[in-house]
C-alpha atoms as a PDB file:
ATOM      1  CA  MET A   1       8.380 110.953  96.277  1.00  0.00           C
ATOM      2  CA  ASN A   2       4.786 111.758  96.809  1.00  0.00           C
ATOM      3  CA  GLU A   3       2.087 109.305  97.898  1.00  0.00           C
ATOM      4  CA  LYS A   4       0.944 108.583  94.321  1.00  0.00           C
ATOM      5  CA  ASP A   5       4.471 107.638  93.243  1.00  0.00           C
ATOM      6  CA  THR A   6       4.850 105.381  96.282  1.00  0.00           C
ATOM      7  CA  VAL A   7       1.618 103.534  95.469  1.00  0.00           C
ATOM      8  CA  LEU A   8       2.604 103.140  91.811  1.00  0.00           C
ATOM      9  CA  THR A   9       6.035 101.812  92.790  1.00  0.00           C
ATOM     10  CA  PHE A  10       4.454  99.347  95.212  1.00  0.00           C
ATOM     11  CA  LEU A  11       1.977  98.155  92.560  1.00  0.00           C
ATOM     12  CA  ALA A  12       4.727  97.792  89.963  1.00  0.00           C
ATOM     13  CA  CYS A  13       6.905  95.735  92.324  1.00  0.00           C
ATOM     14  CA  GLY A  14       3.926  93.604  93.353  1.00  0.00           C
ATOM     15  CA  GLY A  15       3.011  92.994  89.725  1.00  0.00           C
ATOM     16  CA  MET A  16       6.559  91.982  88.842  1.00  0.00           C
ATOM     17  CA  PHE A  17       6.669  89.600  91.812  1.00  0.00           C
ATOM     18  CA  ILE A  18       3.400  87.938  90.766  1.00  0.00           C
ATOM     19  CA  ALA A  19       4.644  87.662  87.169  1.00  0.00           C
ATOM     20  CA  LEU A  20       7.872  86.027  88.376  1.00  0.00           C
ATOM     21  CA  ILE A  21       6.004  83.474  90.501  1.00  0.00           C
ATOM     22  CA  PHE A  22       3.680  82.726  87.573  1.00  0.00           C
ATOM     23  CA  PHE A  23       6.689  82.225  85.262  1.00  0.00           C
ATOM     24  CA  VAL A  24       8.418  79.845  87.690  1.00  0.00           C
ATOM     25  CA  ILE A  25       5.275  77.720  88.117  1.00  0.00           C
ATOM     26  CA  ILE A  26       4.598  77.548  84.365  1.00  0.00           C
ATOM     27  CA  ASN A  27       8.242  76.680  83.665  1.00  0.00           C
ATOM     28  CA  ALA A  28       8.319  73.885  86.272  1.00  0.00           C
ATOM     29  CA  ASN A  29       5.037  72.537  84.925  1.00  0.00           C
ATOM     30  CA  SER A  30       6.303  72.454  81.331  1.00  0.00           C
ATOM     31  CA  VAL A  31       9.573  70.765  82.343  1.00  0.00           C
ATOM     32  CA  GLU A  32       7.745  68.036  84.235  1.00  0.00           C
ATOM     33  CA  LYS A  33       5.121  67.677  81.513  1.00  0.00           C
ATOM     34  CA  GLY A  34       7.968  67.025  79.059  1.00  0.00           C
ATOM     35  CA  TYR A  35       9.272  64.037  81.021  1.00  0.00           C
ATOM     36  CA  GLN A  36       9.191  60.706  79.169  1.00  0.00           C
ATOM     37  CA  ILE A  37       9.697  58.091  81.890  1.00  0.00           C
ATOM     38  CA  LYS A  38       9.605  54.314  81.777  1.00  0.00           C
ATOM     39  CA  GLY A  39      11.661  52.331  84.231  1.00  0.00           C
ATOM     40  CA  ILE A  40      12.304  50.975  87.681  1.00  0.00           C
ATOM     41  CA  VAL A  41      12.908  53.412  90.545  1.00  0.00           C
ATOM     42  CA  ASP A  42      16.517  53.127  91.748  1.00  0.00           C
ATOM     43  CA  LYS A  43      16.322  55.837  94.418  1.00  0.00           C
ATOM     44  CA  VAL A  44      13.806  58.135  96.092  1.00  0.00           C
ATOM     45  CA  ALA A  45      15.160  61.313  97.697  1.00  0.00           C
ATOM     46  CA  PHE A  46      13.860  64.696  98.812  1.00  0.00           C
ATOM     47  CA  THR A  47      15.342  68.154  98.300  1.00  0.00           C
ATOM     48  CA  LYS A  48      15.897  70.516 101.230  1.00  0.00           C
ATOM     49  CA  LYS A  49      12.445  71.949 100.479  1.00  0.00           C
ATOM     50  CA  GLY A  50      10.862  68.488 100.624  1.00  0.00           C
ATOM     51  CA  ILE A  51      10.353  68.121  96.875  1.00  0.00           C
ATOM     52  CA  PRO A  52      10.630  64.465  95.836  1.00  0.00           C
ATOM     53  CA  GLN A  53      13.202  63.325  93.299  1.00  0.00           C
ATOM     54  CA  ILE A  54      13.349  59.838  91.834  1.00  0.00           C
ATOM     55  CA  THR A  55      16.275  58.250  90.044  1.00  0.00           C
ATOM     56  CA  ILE A  56      15.583  55.862  87.169  1.00  0.00           C
ATOM     57  CA  GLY A  57      18.469  54.500  85.133  1.00  0.00           C
ATOM     58  CA  GLY A  58      20.805  57.229  86.366  1.00  0.00           C
ATOM     59  CA  GLU A  59      18.399  60.056  85.419  1.00  0.00           C
ATOM     60  CA  ILE A  60      16.982  62.232  88.214  1.00  0.00           C
ATOM     61  CA  TYR A  61      13.378  63.397  87.874  1.00  0.00           C
ATOM     62  CA  THR A  62      11.813  66.000  90.138  1.00  0.00           C
ATOM     63  CA  ILE A  63       8.148  65.246  90.772  1.00  0.00           C
ATOM     64  CA  ARG A  64       6.175  68.317  91.811  1.00  0.00           C
ATOM     65  CA  PHE A  65       2.624  68.067  90.607  1.00  0.00           C
ATOM     66  CA  PRO A  66       1.019  64.659  91.312  1.00  0.00           C
ATOM     67  CA  GLY A  67       0.736  65.491  95.012  1.00  0.00           C
ATOM     68  CA  ASN A  68       1.961  63.900  98.221  1.00  0.00           C
ATOM     69  CA  ALA A  69      -0.649  61.110  98.299  1.00  0.00           C
ATOM     70  CA  PHE A  70       0.875  59.691  95.099  1.00  0.00           C
ATOM     71  CA  VAL A  71       4.522  60.516  95.802  1.00  0.00           C
ATOM     72  CA  ASP A  72       4.413  58.916  99.271  1.00  0.00           C
ATOM     73  CA  LYS A  73       3.636  55.542  97.634  1.00  0.00           C
ATOM     74  CA  ILE A  74       6.763  55.495  95.444  1.00  0.00           C
ATOM     75  CA  GLN A  75       9.393  53.025  96.640  1.00  0.00           C
ATOM     76  CA  VAL A  76      12.656  51.667  95.279  1.00  0.00           C
ATOM     77  CA  GLY A  77      11.914  48.793  92.902  1.00  0.00           C
ATOM     78  CA  ASP A  78       8.546  50.165  91.753  1.00  0.00           C
ATOM     79  CA  SER A  79       8.069  50.950  88.074  1.00  0.00           C
ATOM     80  CA  ILE A  80       6.967  54.353  86.808  1.00  0.00           C
ATOM     81  CA  VAL A  81       5.617  55.177  83.371  1.00  0.00           C
ATOM     82  CA  LYS A  82       4.866  58.695  82.160  1.00  0.00           C
ATOM     83  CA  GLN A  83       4.303  59.784  78.582  1.00  0.00           C
ATOM     84  CA  ASN A  84       5.622  63.048  77.157  1.00  0.00           C
ATOM     85  CA  ASP A  85       2.991  65.844  77.211  1.00  0.00           C
ATOM     86  CA  SER A  86       1.000  64.107  79.940  1.00  0.00           C
ATOM     87  CA  LYS A  87       0.634  64.981  83.607  1.00  0.00           C
ATOM     88  CA  ILE A  88      -0.370  61.438  84.567  1.00  0.00           C
ATOM     89  CA  TYR A  89       2.145  59.092  86.142  1.00  0.00           C
ATOM     90  CA  ARG A  90       1.485  55.355  86.326  1.00  0.00           C
ATOM     91  CA  LEU A  91       3.103  53.648  89.322  1.00  0.00           C
ATOM     92  CA  ILE A  92       3.339  49.851  89.278  1.00  0.00           C
ATOM     93  CA  LYS A  93       4.141  48.455  92.708  1.00  0.00           C
ATOM     94  CA  LYS A  94       6.985  45.921  92.711  1.00  0.00           C
ATOM     95  CA  ASN A  95       5.411  43.220  94.885  1.00  0.00           C
ATOM     96  CA  SER A  96       1.691  43.407  94.201  1.00  0.00           C
ATOM     97  CA  LYS A  97       1.793  44.723  90.596  1.00  0.00           C
ATOM     98  CA  GLU A  98      -0.937  47.155  91.719  1.00  0.00           C
ATOM     99  CA  VAL A  99      -1.239  50.084  89.303  1.00  0.00           C
ATOM    100  CA  ILE A 100      -1.688  53.542  90.852  1.00  0.00           C
ATOM    101  CA  LEU A 101      -2.406  56.574  88.682  1.00  0.00           C
ATOM    102  CA  SER A 102      -1.514  60.119  89.684  1.00  0.00           C
ATOM    103  CA  LYS A 103      -4.210  62.739  89.442  1.00  0.00           C
END
């Protein structure tokens, strides 16, 4: 292989890697955007990578995009509402009935 072939191979591999990352992010975004949630949080857990997962009525939802400031406020007993095709979560705290919107 000459130097030109090496550069082209490197660029092709780099381009495929970037395309793969882009695909994974878009796919995760569309899955979460498709969530239709309305219920009381039964459980809050975190994956090995620290990604939060909430359980509502036996269904597990992975929450990636509202950010840690919102996710850190979710507790068992709180209510969460999210409409299909929306990125906004509405968290209603169990004791104070305070409504917190994700951004």
